[in-house]
Amino acid sequence: MPALGRVWILEHGSQPVGYAVVTFNFDLELPGLDAFLTELFVVPEHRHRGLARRALMVIEAEAAALDVMRLQLEVRPDNEPARRLYRGLGYRESARLSLGKRLDSIS
């Protein structure tokens, strides 16, 4: 459903080598449309070739064209290559702490 987000398939030539998933949300504090990069994956043998950087640039441009006001993402603290990538594109750590709870076990 396009109103909920977008999915991109990353290709090298005509071969799929990764994907990205962005979901949308309306945030009252912005106020406006907010997006969350929930997945960015490149198969290991195609990493360090600029695919993720180019994908993020496309995602940002498409999100901006949809009037998204903020693009957020999460990264594991130990994933330093990804953190360098994100920092290099202007992403900064938030002053907020992300919390979550799985609801699939609630009966």
C-alpha atoms as a PDB file:
ATOM      1  CA  MET A   1       0.000   0.000   0.000  1.00  0.00           C
ATOM      2  CA  PRO A   2       1.767   3.212  -1.169  1.00  0.00           C
ATOM      3  CA  ALA A   3       0.325   5.310   1.664  1.00  0.00           C
ATOM      4  CA  LEU A   4       2.243   3.213   4.193  1.00  0.00           C
ATOM      5  CA  GLY A   5       5.690   3.451   2.613  1.00  0.00           C
ATOM      6  CA  ARG A   6       7.951   2.380  -0.228  1.00  0.00           C
ATOM      7  CA  VAL A   7      10.256  -0.509  -1.127  1.00  0.00           C
ATOM      8  CA  TRP A   8      13.274  -0.250  -3.427  1.00  0.00           C
ATOM      9  CA  ILE A   9      15.218  -3.118  -4.968  1.00  0.00           C
ATOM     10  CA  LEU A  10      18.908  -2.287  -5.365  1.00  0.00           C
ATOM     11  CA  GLU A  11      20.416  -3.630  -8.560  1.00  0.00           C
ATOM     12  CA  HIS A  12      23.854  -4.060 -10.054  1.00  0.00           C
ATOM     13  CA  GLY A  13      23.215  -4.312 -13.764  1.00  0.00           C
ATOM     14  CA  SER A  14      20.005  -6.308 -13.818  1.00  0.00           C
ATOM     15  CA  GLN A  15      20.903  -8.391 -10.751  1.00  0.00           C
ATOM     16  CA  PRO A  16      19.118  -7.637  -7.448  1.00  0.00           C
ATOM     17  CA  VAL A  17      21.754  -7.076  -4.779  1.00  0.00           C
ATOM     18  CA  GLY A  18      19.810  -5.448  -1.960  1.00  0.00           C
ATOM     19  CA  TYR A  19      16.712  -3.626  -0.846  1.00  0.00           C
ATOM     20  CA  ALA A  20      15.470  -0.694   1.184  1.00  0.00           C
ATOM     21  CA  VAL A  21      12.164  -0.252   3.025  1.00  0.00           C
ATOM     22  CA  VAL A  22      10.722   3.049   4.257  1.00  0.00           C
ATOM     23  CA  THR A  23       7.500   3.409   6.228  1.00  0.00           C
ATOM     24  CA  PHE A  24       5.496   6.606   6.737  1.00  0.00           C
ATOM     25  CA  ASN A  25       4.020   8.151   9.848  1.00  0.00           C
ATOM     26  CA  PHE A  26       2.441  11.491  10.728  1.00  0.00           C
ATOM     27  CA  ASP A  27       4.245  13.175  13.587  1.00  0.00           C
ATOM     28  CA  LEU A  28       2.423  15.867  15.567  1.00  0.00           C
ATOM     29  CA  GLU A  29       5.679  17.328  16.894  1.00  0.00           C
ATOM     30  CA  LEU A  30       7.031  18.159  13.406  1.00  0.00           C
ATOM     31  CA  PRO A  31       4.112  18.585  12.427  1.00  0.00           C
ATOM     32  CA  GLY A  32       4.025  16.627   9.237  1.00  0.00           C
ATOM     33  CA  LEU A  33       4.930  13.447   7.457  1.00  0.00           C
ATOM     34  CA  ASP A  34       7.752  11.467   8.998  1.00  0.00           C
ATOM     35  CA  ALA A  35       9.510   8.474   7.416  1.00  0.00           C
ATOM     36  CA  PHE A  36      11.480   5.631   8.933  1.00  0.00           C
ATOM     37  CA  LEU A  37      14.102   3.643   7.041  1.00  0.00           C
ATOM     38  CA  THR A  38      13.338   0.224   8.492  1.00  0.00           C
ATOM     39  CA  GLU A  39      15.670  -1.782   6.244  1.00  0.00           C
ATOM     40  CA  LEU A  40      18.701  -1.088   4.086  1.00  0.00           C
ATOM     41  CA  PHE A  41      20.467  -4.239   3.004  1.00  0.00           C
ATOM     42  CA  VAL A  42      23.190  -4.898   0.436  1.00  0.00           C
ATOM     43  CA  VAL A  43      24.489  -8.441  -0.104  1.00  0.00           C
ATOM     44  CA  PRO A  44      28.020  -8.717   1.328  1.00  0.00           C
ATOM     45  CA  GLU A  45      29.804  -9.201  -2.006  1.00  0.00           C
ATOM     46  CA  HIS A  46      28.373  -5.883  -3.284  1.00  0.00           C
ATOM     47  CA  ARG A  47      29.117  -3.756  -0.214  1.00  0.00           C
ATOM     48  CA  HIS A  48      31.622  -0.870  -0.196  1.00  0.00           C
ATOM     49  CA  ARG A  49      30.779   0.085  -3.789  1.00  0.00           C
ATOM     50  CA  GLY A  50      28.551   3.061  -3.032  1.00  0.00           C
ATOM     51  CA  LEU A  51      25.222   1.254  -3.561  1.00  0.00           C
ATOM     52  CA  ALA A  52      23.840   2.091  -0.108  1.00  0.00           C
ATOM     53  CA  ARG A  53      24.944   5.729  -0.419  1.00  0.00           C
ATOM     54  CA  ARG A  54      23.271   6.072  -3.838  1.00  0.00           C
ATOM     55  CA  ALA A  55      20.153   4.309  -2.553  1.00  0.00           C
ATOM     56  CA  LEU A  56      19.883   6.714   0.385  1.00  0.00           C
ATOM     57  CA  MET A  57      20.237   9.699  -1.925  1.00  0.00           C
ATOM     58  CA  VAL A  58      17.370   8.382  -4.102  1.00  0.00           C
ATOM     59  CA  ILE A  59      15.261   7.618  -1.036  1.00  0.00           C
ATOM     60  CA  GLU A  60      15.843  11.107   0.387  1.00  0.00           C
ATOM     61  CA  ALA A  61      14.918  12.764  -2.924  1.00  0.00           C
ATOM     62  CA  GLU A  62      11.759  10.686  -3.322  1.00  0.00           C
ATOM     63  CA  ALA A  63      10.772  11.279   0.302  1.00  0.00           C
ATOM     64  CA  ALA A  64      11.277  15.033  -0.090  1.00  0.00           C
ATOM     65  CA  ALA A  65       9.100  14.974  -3.232  1.00  0.00           C
ATOM     66  CA  LEU A  66       6.371  13.366  -1.094  1.00  0.00           C
ATOM     67  CA  ASP A  67       6.689  16.209   1.468  1.00  0.00           C
ATOM     68  CA  VAL A  68       8.318  13.993   4.094  1.00  0.00           C
ATOM     69  CA  MET A  69       9.810  16.338   6.674  1.00  0.00           C
ATOM     70  CA  ARG A  70      12.186  13.914   8.418  1.00  0.00           C
ATOM     71  CA  LEU A  71      13.794  10.589   7.573  1.00  0.00           C
ATOM     72  CA  GLN A  72      14.834   8.532  10.570  1.00  0.00           C
ATOM     73  CA  LEU A  73      16.702   5.264  10.923  1.00  0.00           C
ATOM     74  CA  GLU A  74      18.237   3.032  13.535  1.00  0.00           C
ATOM     75  CA  VAL A  75      21.633   1.389  13.469  1.00  0.00           C
ATOM     76  CA  ARG A  76      23.287  -1.016  15.871  1.00  0.00           C
ATOM     77  CA  PRO A  77      25.960   0.722  17.961  1.00  0.00           C
ATOM     78  CA  ASP A  78      28.560  -1.841  16.835  1.00  0.00           C
ATOM     79  CA  ASN A  79      27.887  -1.326  13.092  1.00  0.00           C
ATOM     80  CA  GLU A  80      30.576   1.279  12.539  1.00  0.00           C
ATOM     81  CA  PRO A  81      30.623   1.059   8.697  1.00  0.00           C
ATOM     82  CA  ALA A  82      26.909   1.887   8.567  1.00  0.00           C
ATOM     83  CA  ARG A  83      27.312   4.647  11.149  1.00  0.00           C
ATOM     84  CA  ARG A  84      30.070   6.237   9.034  1.00  0.00           C
ATOM     85  CA  LEU A  85      27.835   6.039   5.967  1.00  0.00           C
ATOM     86  CA  TYR A  86      24.899   7.692   7.732  1.00  0.00           C
ATOM     87  CA  ARG A  87      27.045  10.378   9.386  1.00  0.00           C
ATOM     88  CA  GLY A  88      28.628  11.151   6.021  1.00  0.00           C
ATOM     89  CA  LEU A  89      25.166  11.825   4.603  1.00  0.00           C
ATOM     90  CA  GLY A  90      24.221  14.171   7.453  1.00  0.00           C
ATOM     91  CA  TYR A  91      22.374  11.837   9.821  1.00  0.00           C
ATOM     92  CA  ARG A  92      22.885  12.645  13.495  1.00  0.00           C
ATOM     93  CA  GLU A  93      22.039  10.820  16.685  1.00  0.00           C
ATOM     94  CA  SER A  94      18.796  11.925  18.230  1.00  0.00           C
ATOM     95  CA  ALA A  95      18.551  13.230  21.768  1.00  0.00           C
ATOM     96  CA  ARG A  96      15.715  10.741  22.229  1.00  0.00           C
ATOM     97  CA  LEU A  97      16.083   7.137  23.236  1.00  0.00           C
ATOM     98  CA  SER A  98      14.261   4.625  21.059  1.00  0.00           C
ATOM     99  CA  LEU A  99      12.146   2.117  22.986  1.00  0.00           C
ATOM    100  CA  GLY A 100      10.123  -0.781  21.632  1.00  0.00           C
ATOM    101  CA  LYS A 101       7.964  -3.684  22.681  1.00  0.00           C
ATOM    102  CA  ARG A 102       6.890  -6.735  20.671  1.00  0.00           C
ATOM    103  CA  LEU A 103       3.156  -7.254  20.863  1.00  0.00           C
ATOM    104  CA  ASP A 104       2.889 -10.635  19.141  1.00  0.00           C
ATOM    105  CA  SER A 105       3.167 -12.491  22.462  1.00  0.00           C
ATOM    106  CA  ILE A 106       0.312 -10.631  24.159  1.00  0.00           C
ATOM    107  CA  SER A 107      -2.782 -12.813  24.403  1.00  0.00           C
END
